[in-house]
């Protein structure tokens, strides 16, 4: 089971306290019982936890709570990039089966056309 994580922040705190590196143990450095997610959790949960907790690293644990991997901030950015790409593709070329997109854009266009124009 995951008992803790040592991050750059933990190391920086140790240096700031001027801890003796020869006498410092992982147990004294680590953040005990860190927030974690499972591979089955949605990516939005990972992003939410990382944002609200201001985490740069989020452990991913398996069903027995053993460490599986670490989700880092670069991984989180990749998730956001993928989501933006998918949404952009849907906006540029909405699928025919998703008629609500067409309705949304038609109503926005109509509202924009009806808005008064500012003359210079």
PDB file of N, CA and C in Angstrom:
ATOM      1  N   UNK A   1       0.839  -1.193   0.000  1.00  0.00           N
ATOM      2  CA  UNK A   1       0.000   0.000   0.000  1.00  0.00           C
ATOM      3  C   UNK A   1       0.881   1.253   0.000  1.00  0.00           C
ATOM      4  N   UNK A   2       0.353   2.280  -0.600  1.00  0.00           N
ATOM      5  CA  UNK A   2       1.063   3.562  -0.662  1.00  0.00           C
ATOM      6  C   UNK A   2       1.043   4.210   0.715  1.00  0.00           C
ATOM      7  N   UNK A   3       2.212   4.462   1.263  1.00  0.00           N
ATOM      8  CA  UNK A   3       2.288   5.084   2.593  1.00  0.00           C
ATOM      9  C   UNK A   3       2.706   6.538   2.531  1.00  0.00           C
ATOM     10  N   UNK A   4       3.315   6.949   1.420  1.00  0.00           N
ATOM     11  CA  UNK A   4       3.754   8.329   1.313  1.00  0.00           C
ATOM     12  C   UNK A   4       4.372   8.614  -0.037  1.00  0.00           C
ATOM     13  N   UNK A   5       4.689   9.899  -0.241  1.00  0.00           N
ATOM     14  CA  UNK A   5       5.325  10.344  -1.476  1.00  0.00           C
ATOM     15  C   UNK A   5       6.332  11.435  -1.113  1.00  0.00           C
ATOM     16  N   UNK A   6       7.461  11.409  -1.778  1.00  0.00           N
ATOM     17  CA  UNK A   6       8.464  12.468  -1.602  1.00  0.00           C
ATOM     18  C   UNK A   6       8.507  13.256  -2.905  1.00  0.00           C
ATOM     19  N   UNK A   7       8.226  14.532  -2.817  1.00  0.00           N
ATOM     20  CA  UNK A   7       8.205  15.400  -3.998  1.00  0.00           C
ATOM     21  C   UNK A   7       9.288  16.467  -3.888  1.00  0.00           C
ATOM     22  N   UNK A   8       9.415  17.242  -4.931  1.00  0.00           N
ATOM     23  CA  UNK A   8      10.364  18.359  -4.921  1.00  0.00           C
ATOM     24  C   UNK A   8      10.058  19.323  -3.777  1.00  0.00           C
ATOM     25  N   UNK A   9       8.776  19.522  -3.493  1.00  0.00           N
ATOM     26  CA  UNK A   9       8.393  20.417  -2.388  1.00  0.00           C
ATOM     27  C   UNK A   9       8.904  19.888  -1.054  1.00  0.00           C
ATOM     28  N   UNK A  10       8.798  18.569  -0.854  1.00  0.00           N
ATOM     29  CA  UNK A  10       9.292  17.971   0.389  1.00  0.00           C
ATOM     30  C   UNK A  10      10.803  18.171   0.524  1.00  0.00           C
ATOM     31  N   UNK A  11      11.511  17.986  -0.571  1.00  0.00           N
ATOM     32  CA  UNK A  11      12.968  18.183  -0.548  1.00  0.00           C
ATOM     33  C   UNK A  11      13.320  19.644  -0.288  1.00  0.00           C
ATOM     34  N   UNK A  12      12.582  20.560  -0.897  1.00  0.00           N
ATOM     35  CA  UNK A  12      12.829  21.991  -0.689  1.00  0.00           C
ATOM     36  C   UNK A  12      12.598  22.376   0.773  1.00  0.00           C
ATOM     37  N   UNK A  13      11.555  21.828   1.389  1.00  0.00           N
ATOM     38  CA  UNK A  13      11.296  22.109   2.811  1.00  0.00           C
ATOM     39  C   UNK A  13      12.451  21.610   3.682  1.00  0.00           C
ATOM     40  N   UNK A  14      12.970  20.442   3.334  1.00  0.00           N
ATOM     41  CA  UNK A  14      14.075  19.872   4.089  1.00  0.00           C
ATOM     42  C   UNK A  14      15.320  20.754   3.984  1.00  0.00           C
ATOM     43  N   UNK A  15      15.584  21.230   2.786  1.00  0.00           N
ATOM     44  CA  UNK A  15      16.739  22.111   2.582  1.00  0.00           C
ATOM     45  C   UNK A  15      16.535  23.419   3.342  1.00  0.00           C
ATOM     46  N   UNK A  16      15.313  23.963   3.285  1.00  0.00           N
ATOM     47  CA  UNK A  16      15.017  25.223   3.973  1.00  0.00           C
ATOM     48  C   UNK A  16      15.189  25.085   5.490  1.00  0.00           C
ATOM     49  N   UNK A  17      14.884  23.896   6.015  1.00  0.00           N
ATOM     50  CA  UNK A  17      15.053  23.652   7.455  1.00  0.00           C
ATOM     51  C   UNK A  17      16.511  23.321   7.803  1.00  0.00           C
ATOM     52  N   UNK A  18      17.346  23.192   6.784  1.00  0.00           N
ATOM     53  CA  UNK A  18      18.762  22.820   6.963  1.00  0.00           C
ATOM     54  C   UNK A  18      18.896  21.446   7.622  1.00  0.00           C
ATOM     55  N   UNK A  19      18.012  20.500   7.220  1.00  0.00           N
ATOM     56  CA  UNK A  19      18.107  19.128   7.732  1.00  0.00           C
ATOM     57  C   UNK A  19      19.439  18.510   7.325  1.00  0.00           C
ATOM     58  N   UNK A  20      19.980  17.688   8.184  1.00  0.00           N
ATOM     59  CA  UNK A  20      21.213  16.970   7.886  1.00  0.00           C
ATOM     60  C   UNK A  20      20.869  15.824   6.932  1.00  0.00           C
ATOM     61  N   UNK A  21      21.356  15.857   5.677  1.00  0.00           N
ATOM     62  CA  UNK A  21      21.010  14.816   4.714  1.00  0.00           C
ATOM     63  C   UNK A  21      21.432  13.414   5.147  1.00  0.00           C
ATOM     64  N   UNK A  22      22.472  13.310   5.978  1.00  0.00           N
ATOM     65  CA  UNK A  22      22.934  11.988   6.432  1.00  0.00           C
ATOM     66  C   UNK A  22      22.016  11.409   7.503  1.00  0.00           C
ATOM     67  N   UNK A  23      21.254  12.265   8.168  1.00  0.00           N
ATOM     68  CA  UNK A  23      20.386  11.792   9.252  1.00  0.00           C
ATOM     69  C   UNK A  23      18.904  11.831   8.872  1.00  0.00           C
ATOM     70  N   UNK A  24      18.614  12.349   7.696  1.00  0.00           N
ATOM     71  CA  UNK A  24      17.220  12.481   7.274  1.00  0.00           C
ATOM     72  C   UNK A  24      16.754  11.199   6.599  1.00  0.00           C
ATOM     73  N   UNK A  25      15.600  10.716   7.001  1.00  0.00           N
ATOM     74  CA  UNK A  25      15.045   9.491   6.417  1.00  0.00           C
ATOM     75  C   UNK A  25      13.879   9.846   5.498  1.00  0.00           C
ATOM     76  N   UNK A  26      13.527   8.901   4.654  1.00  0.00           N
ATOM     77  CA  UNK A  26      12.387   9.095   3.763  1.00  0.00           C
ATOM     78  C   UNK A  26      11.113   9.345   4.577  1.00  0.00           C
ATOM     79  N   UNK A  27      10.983   8.650   5.689  1.00  0.00           N
ATOM     80  CA  UNK A  27       9.793   8.810   6.534  1.00  0.00           C
ATOM     81  C   UNK A  27       9.657  10.229   7.065  1.00  0.00           C
ATOM     82  N   UNK A  28      10.770  10.893   7.326  1.00  0.00           N
ATOM     83  CA  UNK A  28      10.683  12.268   7.834  1.00  0.00           C
ATOM     84  C   UNK A  28      10.453  13.276   6.717  1.00  0.00           C
ATOM     85  N   UNK A  29      10.823  12.919   5.508  1.00  0.00           N
ATOM     86  CA  UNK A  29      10.646  13.824   4.367  1.00  0.00           C
ATOM     87  C   UNK A  29       9.271  13.726   3.723  1.00  0.00           C
ATOM     88  N   UNK A  30       8.733  12.522   3.658  1.00  0.00           N
ATOM     89  CA  UNK A  30       7.567  12.257   2.830  1.00  0.00           C
ATOM     90  C   UNK A  30       6.282  12.919   3.337  1.00  0.00           C
ATOM     91  N   UNK A  31       5.383  13.109   2.388  1.00  0.00           N
ATOM     92  CA  UNK A  31       4.010  13.469   2.706  1.00  0.00           C
ATOM     93  C   UNK A  31       3.300  12.139   2.914  1.00  0.00           C
ATOM     94  N   UNK A  32       2.864  11.888   4.141  1.00  0.00           N
ATOM     95  CA  UNK A  32       2.223  10.612   4.462  1.00  0.00           C
ATOM     96  C   UNK A  32       0.794  10.577   3.933  1.00  0.00           C
ATOM     97  N   UNK A  33       0.370   9.406   3.511  1.00  0.00           N
ATOM     98  CA  UNK A  33      -1.000   9.158   3.043  1.00  0.00           C
ATOM     99  C   UNK A  33      -1.466  10.219   2.044  1.00  0.00           C
ATOM    100  N   UNK A  34      -0.751  10.344   0.928  1.00  0.00           N
ATOM    101  CA  UNK A  34      -1.126  11.374  -0.040  1.00  0.00           C
ATOM    102  C   UNK A  34      -2.447  11.055  -0.739  1.00  0.00           C
ATOM    103  N   UNK A  35      -3.082  12.078  -1.240  1.00  0.00           N
ATOM    104  CA  UNK A  35      -4.267  11.910  -2.077  1.00  0.00           C
ATOM    105  C   UNK A  35      -3.848  11.094  -3.290  1.00  0.00           C
ATOM    106  N   UNK A  36      -4.695  10.165  -3.707  1.00  0.00           N
ATOM    107  CA  UNK A  36      -4.371   9.350  -4.872  1.00  0.00           C
ATOM    108  C   UNK A  36      -5.642   9.056  -5.656  1.00  0.00           C
ATOM    109  N   UNK A  37      -5.467   8.531  -6.850  1.00  0.00           N
ATOM    110  CA  UNK A  37      -6.581   8.116  -7.697  1.00  0.00           C
ATOM    111  C   UNK A  37      -6.323   6.696  -8.177  1.00  0.00           C
ATOM    112  N   UNK A  38      -7.348   6.107  -8.766  1.00  0.00           N
ATOM    113  CA  UNK A  38      -7.238   4.770  -9.362  1.00  0.00           C
ATOM    114  C   UNK A  38      -7.295   4.919 -10.883  1.00  0.00           C
ATOM    115  N   UNK A  39      -6.771   3.961 -11.626  1.00  0.00           N
ATOM    116  CA  UNK A  39      -6.823   4.046 -13.091  1.00  0.00           C
ATOM    117  C   UNK A  39      -8.248   4.153 -13.634  1.00  0.00           C
ATOM    118  N   UNK A  40      -9.221   3.672 -12.882  1.00  0.00           N
ATOM    119  CA  UNK A  40     -10.612   3.727 -13.344  1.00  0.00           C
ATOM    120  C   UNK A  40     -11.273   5.080 -13.094  1.00  0.00           C
ATOM    121  N   UNK A  41     -10.629   5.960 -12.338  1.00  0.00           N
ATOM    122  CA  UNK A  41     -11.194   7.283 -12.075  1.00  0.00           C
ATOM    123  C   UNK A  41     -11.142   8.138 -13.335  1.00  0.00           C
ATOM    124  N   UNK A  42     -12.110   9.034 -13.499  1.00  0.00           N
ATOM    125  CA  UNK A  42     -12.107   9.884 -14.697  1.00  0.00           C
ATOM    126  C   UNK A  42     -10.961  10.899 -14.661  1.00  0.00           C
ATOM    127  N   UNK A  43     -10.442  11.254 -15.824  1.00  0.00           N
ATOM    128  CA  UNK A  43      -9.369  12.257 -15.875  1.00  0.00           C
ATOM    129  C   UNK A  43      -9.760  13.571 -15.212  1.00  0.00           C
ATOM    130  N   UNK A  44     -11.039  13.927 -15.294  1.00  0.00           N
ATOM    131  CA  UNK A  44     -11.478  15.182 -14.682  1.00  0.00           C
ATOM    132  C   UNK A  44     -11.252  15.177 -13.170  1.00  0.00           C
ATOM    133  N   UNK A  45     -11.367  14.012 -12.529  1.00  0.00           N
ATOM    134  CA  UNK A  45     -11.101  13.926 -11.095  1.00  0.00           C
ATOM    135  C   UNK A  45      -9.629  14.207 -10.821  1.00  0.00           C
ATOM    136  N   UNK A  46      -8.768  13.629 -11.617  1.00  0.00           N
ATOM    137  CA  UNK A  46      -7.324  13.862 -11.439  1.00  0.00           C
ATOM    138  C   UNK A  46      -7.004  15.347 -11.581  1.00  0.00           C
ATOM    139  N   UNK A  47      -7.536  15.974 -12.613  1.00  0.00           N
ATOM    140  CA  UNK A  47      -7.278  17.402 -12.828  1.00  0.00           C
ATOM    141  C   UNK A  47      -7.834  18.238 -11.685  1.00  0.00           C
ATOM    142  N   UNK A  48      -9.020  17.898 -11.222  1.00  0.00           N
ATOM    143  CA  UNK A  48      -9.640  18.626 -10.117  1.00  0.00           C
ATOM    144  C   UNK A  48      -8.817  18.509  -8.835  1.00  0.00           C
ATOM    145  N   UNK A  49      -8.380  17.294  -8.522  1.00  0.00           N
ATOM    146  CA  UNK A  49      -7.571  17.085  -7.321  1.00  0.00           C
ATOM    147  C   UNK A  49      -6.235  17.815  -7.416  1.00  0.00           C
ATOM    148  N   UNK A  50      -5.616  17.755  -8.588  1.00  0.00           N
ATOM    149  CA  UNK A  50      -4.325  18.427  -8.760  1.00  0.00           C
ATOM    150  C   UNK A  50      -4.480  19.936  -8.613  1.00  0.00           C
ATOM    151  N   UNK A  51      -5.561  20.472  -9.164  1.00  0.00           N
ATOM    152  CA  UNK A  51      -5.781  21.919  -9.074  1.00  0.00           C
ATOM    153  C   UNK A  51      -6.115  22.334  -7.643  1.00  0.00           C
ATOM    154  N   UNK A  52      -7.086  21.671  -7.035  1.00  0.00           N
ATOM    155  CA  UNK A  52      -7.522  22.090  -5.696  1.00  0.00           C
ATOM    156  C   UNK A  52      -6.435  21.869  -4.640  1.00  0.00           C
ATOM    157  N   UNK A  53      -5.665  20.788  -4.787  1.00  0.00           N
ATOM    158  CA  UNK A  53      -4.598  20.512  -3.831  1.00  0.00           C
ATOM    159  C   UNK A  53      -3.273  21.151  -4.187  1.00  0.00           C
ATOM    160  N   UNK A  54      -3.237  21.804  -5.349  1.00  0.00           N
ATOM    161  CA  UNK A  54      -2.002  22.425  -5.862  1.00  0.00           C
ATOM    162  C   UNK A  54      -0.871  21.391  -5.944  1.00  0.00           C
ATOM    163  N   UNK A  55      -1.256  20.163  -6.427  1.00  0.00           N
ATOM    164  CA  UNK A  55      -0.295  19.071  -6.562  1.00  0.00           C
ATOM    165  C   UNK A  55       0.359  19.118  -7.933  1.00  0.00           C
ATOM    166  N   UNK A  56       1.651  18.852  -7.962  1.00  0.00           N
ATOM    167  CA  UNK A  56       2.348  18.666  -9.230  1.00  0.00           C
ATOM    168  C   UNK A  56       2.463  17.194  -9.566  1.00  0.00           C
ATOM    169  N   UNK A  57       2.206  16.351  -8.572  1.00  0.00           N
ATOM    170  CA  UNK A  57       2.277  14.898  -8.734  1.00  0.00           C
ATOM    171  C   UNK A  57       1.103  14.273  -8.001  1.00  0.00           C
ATOM    172  N   UNK A  58       0.462  13.302  -8.654  1.00  0.00           N
ATOM    173  CA  UNK A  58      -0.675  12.608  -8.050  1.00  0.00           C
ATOM    174  C   UNK A  58      -0.473  11.106  -8.237  1.00  0.00           C
ATOM    175  N   UNK A  59      -0.299  10.375  -7.142  1.00  0.00           N
ATOM    176  CA  UNK A  59      -0.112   8.928  -7.266  1.00  0.00           C
ATOM    177  C   UNK A  59      -1.369   8.241  -7.814  1.00  0.00           C
ATOM    178  N   UNK A  60      -1.128   7.245  -8.642  1.00  0.00           N
ATOM    179  CA  UNK A  60      -2.196   6.383  -9.141  1.00  0.00           C
ATOM    180  C   UNK A  60      -1.961   5.021  -8.502  1.00  0.00           C
ATOM    181  N   UNK A  61      -2.993   4.514  -7.807  1.00  0.00           N
ATOM    182  CA  UNK A  61      -2.851   3.244  -7.095  1.00  0.00           C
ATOM    183  C   UNK A  61      -3.790   2.196  -7.692  1.00  0.00           C
ATOM    184  N   UNK A  62      -3.392   0.930  -7.560  1.00  0.00           N
ATOM    185  CA  UNK A  62      -4.229  -0.156  -8.069  1.00  0.00           C
ATOM    186  C   UNK A  62      -5.297  -0.518  -7.037  1.00  0.00           C
ATOM    187  N   UNK A  63      -6.018  -1.576  -7.285  1.00  0.00           N
ATOM    188  CA  UNK A  63      -7.134  -1.953  -6.411  1.00  0.00           C
ATOM    189  C   UNK A  63      -6.692  -2.347  -4.999  1.00  0.00           C
ATOM    190  N   UNK A  64      -5.422  -2.703  -4.828  1.00  0.00           N
ATOM    191  CA  UNK A  64      -4.917  -3.021  -3.488  1.00  0.00           C
ATOM    192  C   UNK A  64      -4.195  -1.827  -2.860  1.00  0.00           C
ATOM    193  N   UNK A  65      -4.374  -0.649  -3.476  1.00  0.00           N
ATOM    194  CA  UNK A  65      -3.761   0.608  -3.011  1.00  0.00           C
ATOM    195  C   UNK A  65      -2.243   0.617  -3.131  1.00  0.00           C
ATOM    196  N   UNK A  66      -1.700  -0.260  -3.973  1.00  0.00           N
ATOM    197  CA  UNK A  66      -0.262  -0.240  -4.242  1.00  0.00           C
ATOM    198  C   UNK A  66       0.010   0.760  -5.360  1.00  0.00           C
ATOM    199  N   UNK A  67       1.148   1.443  -5.298  1.00  0.00           N
ATOM    200  CA  UNK A  67       1.458   2.424  -6.342  1.00  0.00           C
ATOM    201  C   UNK A  67       1.524   1.775  -7.720  1.00  0.00           C
ATOM    202  N   UNK A  68       0.859   2.395  -8.684  1.00  0.00           N
ATOM    203  CA  UNK A  68       0.893   1.914 -10.064  1.00  0.00           C
ATOM    204  C   UNK A  68       1.751   2.853 -10.910  1.00  0.00           C
ATOM    205  N   UNK A  69       1.547   4.155 -10.730  1.00  0.00           N
ATOM    206  CA  UNK A  69       2.321   5.169 -11.452  1.00  0.00           C
ATOM    207  C   UNK A  69       2.074   6.518 -10.793  1.00  0.00           C
ATOM    208  N   UNK A  70       2.683   7.527 -11.354  1.00  0.00           N
ATOM    209  CA  UNK A  70       2.495   8.902 -10.872  1.00  0.00           C
ATOM    210  C   UNK A  70       1.997   9.732 -12.046  1.00  0.00           C
ATOM    211  N   UNK A  71       0.949  10.488 -11.821  1.00  0.00           N
ATOM    212  CA  UNK A  71       0.464  11.429 -12.814  1.00  0.00           C
ATOM    213  C   UNK A  71       1.116  12.766 -12.495  1.00  0.00           C
ATOM    214  N   UNK A  72       1.884  13.295 -13.436  1.00  0.00           N
ATOM    215  CA  UNK A  72       2.569  14.559 -13.217  1.00  0.00           C
ATOM    216  C   UNK A  72       1.874  15.702 -13.933  1.00  0.00           C
ATOM    217  N   UNK A  73       2.337  16.889 -13.688  1.00  0.00           N
ATOM    218  CA  UNK A  73       1.726  18.072 -14.279  1.00  0.00           C
ATOM    219  C   UNK A  73       1.810  18.032 -15.808  1.00  0.00           C
ATOM    220  N   UNK A  74       2.863  17.470 -16.365  1.00  0.00           N
ATOM    221  CA  UNK A  74       2.972  17.348 -17.823  1.00  0.00           C
ATOM    222  C   UNK A  74       1.904  16.396 -18.351  1.00  0.00           C
ATOM    223  N   UNK A  75       1.633  15.333 -17.601  1.00  0.00           N
ATOM    224  CA  UNK A  75       0.555  14.413 -17.980  1.00  0.00           C
ATOM    225  C   UNK A  75      -0.791  15.122 -17.923  1.00  0.00           C
ATOM    226  N   UNK A  76      -0.983  15.950 -16.897  1.00  0.00           N
ATOM    227  CA  UNK A  76      -2.231  16.700 -16.755  1.00  0.00           C
ATOM    228  C   UNK A  76      -2.412  17.665 -17.924  1.00  0.00           C
ATOM    229  N   UNK A  77      -1.338  18.307 -18.330  1.00  0.00           N
ATOM    230  CA  UNK A  77      -1.414  19.209 -19.488  1.00  0.00           C
ATOM    231  C   UNK A  77      -1.760  18.433 -20.752  1.00  0.00           C
ATOM    232  N   UNK A  78      -1.244  17.229 -20.877  1.00  0.00           N
ATOM    233  CA  UNK A  78      -1.572  16.395 -22.042  1.00  0.00           C
ATOM    234  C   UNK A  78      -3.065  16.061 -22.053  1.00  0.00           C
ATOM    235  N   UNK A  79      -3.654  15.801 -20.873  1.00  0.00           N
ATOM    236  CA  UNK A  79      -5.097  15.546 -20.789  1.00  0.00           C
ATOM    237  C   UNK A  79      -5.891  16.772 -21.245  1.00  0.00           C
ATOM    238  N   UNK A  80      -5.474  17.938 -20.773  1.00  0.00           N
ATOM    239  CA  UNK A  80      -6.157  19.178 -21.158  1.00  0.00           C
ATOM    240  C   UNK A  80      -6.003  19.414 -22.653  1.00  0.00           C
ATOM    241  N   UNK A  81      -4.813  19.208 -23.177  1.00  0.00           N
ATOM    242  CA  UNK A  81      -4.571  19.396 -24.610  1.00  0.00           C
ATOM    243  C   UNK A  81      -5.479  18.483 -25.427  1.00  0.00           C
ATOM    244  N   UNK A  82      -5.587  17.233 -25.013  1.00  0.00           N
ATOM    245  CA  UNK A  82      -6.442  16.281 -25.727  1.00  0.00           C
ATOM    246  C   UNK A  82      -7.905  16.743 -25.682  1.00  0.00           C
ATOM    247  N   UNK A  83      -8.360  17.182 -24.515  1.00  0.00           N
ATOM    248  CA  UNK A  83      -9.747  17.639 -24.379  1.00  0.00           C
ATOM    249  C   UNK A  83     -10.007  18.847 -25.265  1.00  0.00           C
ATOM    250  N   UNK A  84      -9.075  19.777 -25.317  1.00  0.00           N
ATOM    251  CA  UNK A  84      -9.234  20.960 -26.172  1.00  0.00           C
ATOM    252  C   UNK A  84      -9.275  20.538 -27.631  1.00  0.00           C
ATOM    253  N   UNK A  85      -8.429  19.608 -28.009  1.00  0.00           N
ATOM    254  CA  UNK A  85      -8.401  19.111 -29.386  1.00  0.00           C
ATOM    255  C   UNK A  85      -9.743  18.485 -29.760  1.00  0.00           C
ATOM    256  N   UNK A  86     -10.279  17.654 -28.883  1.00  0.00           N
ATOM    257  CA  UNK A  86     -11.560  16.987 -29.139  1.00  0.00           C
ATOM    258  C   UNK A  86     -12.679  18.020 -29.245  1.00  0.00           C
ATOM    259  N   UNK A  87     -12.703  18.983 -28.333  1.00  0.00           N
ATOM    260  CA  UNK A  87     -13.744  20.008 -28.363  1.00  0.00           C
ATOM    261  C   UNK A  87     -13.623  20.896 -29.601  1.00  0.00           C
ATOM    262  N   UNK A  88     -12.404  21.235 -29.969  1.00  0.00           N
ATOM    263  CA  UNK A  88     -12.195  22.057 -31.159  1.00  0.00           C
ATOM    264  C   UNK A  88     -12.673  21.327 -32.403  1.00  0.00           C
ATOM    265  N   UNK A  89     -12.372  20.047 -32.496  1.00  0.00           N
ATOM    266  CA  UNK A  89     -12.822  19.261 -33.643  1.00  0.00           C
ATOM    267  C   UNK A  89     -14.340  19.211 -33.691  1.00  0.00           C
ATOM    268  N   UNK A  90     -14.987  19.123 -32.541  1.00  0.00           N
ATOM    269  CA  UNK A  90     -16.447  19.078 -32.497  1.00  0.00           C
ATOM    270  C   UNK A  90     -17.045  20.418 -32.924  1.00  0.00           C
ATOM    271  N   UNK A  91     -16.388  21.504 -32.581  1.00  0.00           N
ATOM    272  CA  UNK A  91     -16.883  22.838 -32.944  1.00  0.00           C
ATOM    273  C   UNK A  91     -16.678  23.101 -34.429  1.00  0.00           C
ATOM    274  N   UNK A  92     -15.526  22.735 -34.951  1.00  0.00           N
ATOM    275  CA  UNK A  92     -15.214  22.980 -36.363  1.00  0.00           C
ATOM    276  C   UNK A  92     -16.048  22.103 -37.274  1.00  0.00           C
ATOM    277  N   UNK A  93     -16.208  20.859 -36.915  1.00  0.00           N
ATOM    278  CA  UNK A  93     -16.971  19.917 -37.737  1.00  0.00           C
ATOM    279  C   UNK A  93     -17.866  19.075 -36.843  1.00  0.00           C
ATOM    280  N   UNK A  94     -18.995  19.645 -36.383  1.00  0.00           N
ATOM    281  CA  UNK A  94     -19.848  18.872 -35.485  1.00  0.00           C
ATOM    282  C   UNK A  94     -20.409  17.631 -36.167  1.00  0.00           C
ATOM    283  N   UNK A  95     -20.405  16.509 -35.467  1.00  0.00           N
ATOM    284  CA  UNK A  95     -20.949  15.284 -36.047  1.00  0.00           C
ATOM    285  C   UNK A  95     -22.439  15.443 -36.355  1.00  0.00           C
ATOM    286  N   UNK A  96     -22.889  14.823 -37.431  1.00  0.00           N
ATOM    287  CA  UNK A  96     -24.291  14.922 -37.838  1.00  0.00           C
ATOM    288  C   UNK A  96     -25.222  14.412 -36.756  1.00  0.00           C
ATOM    289  N   UNK A  97     -24.790  13.415 -35.997  1.00  0.00           N
ATOM    290  CA  UNK A  97     -25.644  12.849 -34.961  1.00  0.00           C
ATOM    291  C   UNK A  97     -25.789  13.761 -33.749  1.00  0.00           C
ATOM    292  N   UNK A  98     -25.015  14.782 -33.695  1.00  0.00           N
ATOM    293  CA  UNK A  98     -25.057  15.697 -32.550  1.00  0.00           C
ATOM    294  C   UNK A  98     -25.746  16.986 -32.962  1.00  0.00           C
ATOM    295  N   UNK A  99     -27.024  16.922 -33.305  1.00  0.00           N
ATOM    296  CA  UNK A  99     -27.744  18.072 -33.832  1.00  0.00           C
ATOM    297  C   UNK A  99     -27.814  19.231 -32.841  1.00  0.00           C
ATOM    298  N   UNK A 100     -27.636  18.950 -31.539  1.00  0.00           N
ATOM    299  CA  UNK A 100     -27.675  20.057 -30.581  1.00  0.00           C
ATOM    300  C   UNK A 100     -26.553  21.063 -30.840  1.00  0.00           C
ATOM    301  N   UNK A 101     -25.424  20.578 -31.411  1.00  0.00           N
ATOM    302  CA  UNK A 101     -24.350  21.508 -31.761  1.00  0.00           C
ATOM    303  C   UNK A 101     -24.840  22.496 -32.816  1.00  0.00           C
ATOM    304  N   UNK A 102     -25.501  21.980 -33.839  1.00  0.00           N
ATOM    305  CA  UNK A 102     -25.997  22.844 -34.907  1.00  0.00           C
ATOM    306  C   UNK A 102     -26.988  23.859 -34.350  1.00  0.00           C
ATOM    307  N   UNK A 103     -27.862  23.407 -33.459  1.00  0.00           N
ATOM    308  CA  UNK A 103     -28.827  24.325 -32.847  1.00  0.00           C
ATOM    309  C   UNK A 103     -28.133  25.401 -32.023  1.00  0.00           C
ATOM    310  N   UNK A 104     -27.124  25.007 -31.264  1.00  0.00           N
ATOM    311  CA  UNK A 104     -26.395  25.964 -30.447  1.00  0.00           C
ATOM    312  C   UNK A 104     -25.743  27.036 -31.308  1.00  0.00           C
ATOM    313  N   UNK A 105     -25.038  26.610 -32.364  1.00  0.00           N
ATOM    314  CA  UNK A 105     -24.337  27.571 -33.197  1.00  0.00           C
ATOM    315  C   UNK A 105     -25.300  28.434 -34.002  1.00  0.00           C
ATOM    316  N   UNK A 106     -26.423  27.867 -34.428  1.00  0.00           N
ATOM    317  CA  UNK A 106     -27.420  28.637 -35.160  1.00  0.00           C
ATOM    318  C   UNK A 106     -28.008  29.723 -34.267  1.00  0.00           C
ATOM    319  N   UNK A 107     -28.282  29.386 -33.006  1.00  0.00           N
ATOM    320  CA  UNK A 107     -28.850  30.385 -32.097  1.00  0.00           C
ATOM    321  C   UNK A 107     -27.832  31.462 -31.772  1.00  0.00           C
ATOM    322  N   UNK A 108     -26.574  31.101 -31.659  1.00  0.00           N
ATOM    323  CA  UNK A 108     -25.529  32.109 -31.409  1.00  0.00           C
ATOM    324  C   UNK A 108     -25.383  33.026 -32.620  1.00  0.00           C
ATOM    325  N   UNK A 109     -25.402  32.456 -33.808  1.00  0.00           N
ATOM    326  CA  UNK A 109     -25.271  33.264 -35.027  1.00  0.00           C
ATOM    327  C   UNK A 109     -26.449  34.216 -35.153  1.00  0.00           C
ATOM    328  N   UNK A 110     -27.654  33.737 -34.864  1.00  0.00           N
ATOM    329  CA  UNK A 110     -28.838  34.592 -34.954  1.00  0.00           C
ATOM    330  C   UNK A 110     -28.756  35.730 -33.945  1.00  0.00           C
ATOM    331  N   UNK A 111     -28.293  35.447 -32.736  1.00  0.00           N
ATOM    332  CA  UNK A 111     -28.158  36.482 -31.716  1.00  0.00           C
ATOM    333  C   UNK A 111     -27.105  37.502 -32.121  1.00  0.00           C
ATOM    334  N   UNK A 112     -26.047  37.024 -32.738  1.00  0.00           N
ATOM    335  CA  UNK A 112     -24.983  37.936 -33.182  1.00  0.00           C
ATOM    336  C   UNK A 112     -25.460  38.830 -34.317  1.00  0.00           C
ATOM    337  N   UNK A 113     -26.241  38.260 -35.255  1.00  0.00           N
ATOM    338  CA  UNK A 113     -26.765  39.049 -36.365  1.00  0.00           C
ATOM    339  C   UNK A 113     -27.755  40.101 -35.893  1.00  0.00           C
ATOM    340  N   UNK A 114     -28.491  39.807 -34.824  1.00  0.00           N
ATOM    341  CA  UNK A 114     -29.512  40.725 -34.320  1.00  0.00           C
ATOM    342  C   UNK A 114     -28.918  41.801 -33.444  1.00  0.00           C
ATOM    343  N   UNK A 115     -27.704  41.632 -33.002  1.00  0.00           N
ATOM    344  CA  UNK A 115     -27.079  42.620 -32.118  1.00  0.00           C
ATOM    345  C   UNK A 115     -26.783  43.905 -32.891  1.00  0.00           C
ATOM    346  N   UNK A 116     -27.005  45.079 -32.235  1.00  0.00           N
ATOM    347  CA  UNK A 116     -26.727  46.345 -32.932  1.00  0.00           C
ATOM    348  C   UNK A 116     -25.240  46.488 -33.236  1.00  0.00           C
ATOM    349  N   UNK A 117     -24.958  47.030 -34.378  1.00  0.00           N
ATOM    350  CA  UNK A 117     -23.581  47.228 -34.798  1.00  0.00           C
ATOM    351  C   UNK A 117     -23.134  48.626 -34.389  1.00  0.00           C
ATOM    352  N   UNK A 118     -21.923  48.748 -33.860  1.00  0.00           N
ATOM    353  CA  UNK A 118     -21.380  50.050 -33.485  1.00  0.00           C
ATOM    354  C   UNK A 118     -20.768  50.687 -34.722  1.00  0.00           C
ATOM    355  N   UNK A 119     -21.273  51.834 -35.058  1.00  0.00           N
ATOM    356  CA  UNK A 119     -20.738  52.547 -36.234  1.00  0.00           C
ATOM    357  C   UNK A 119     -19.599  53.442 -35.771  1.00  0.00           C
ATOM    358  N   UNK A 120     -18.530  53.533 -36.595  1.00  0.00           N
ATOM    359  CA  UNK A 120     -17.400  54.397 -36.185  1.00  0.00           C
ATOM    360  C   UNK A 120     -17.729  55.856 -36.337  1.00  0.00           C
TER     361      UNK A 120
END
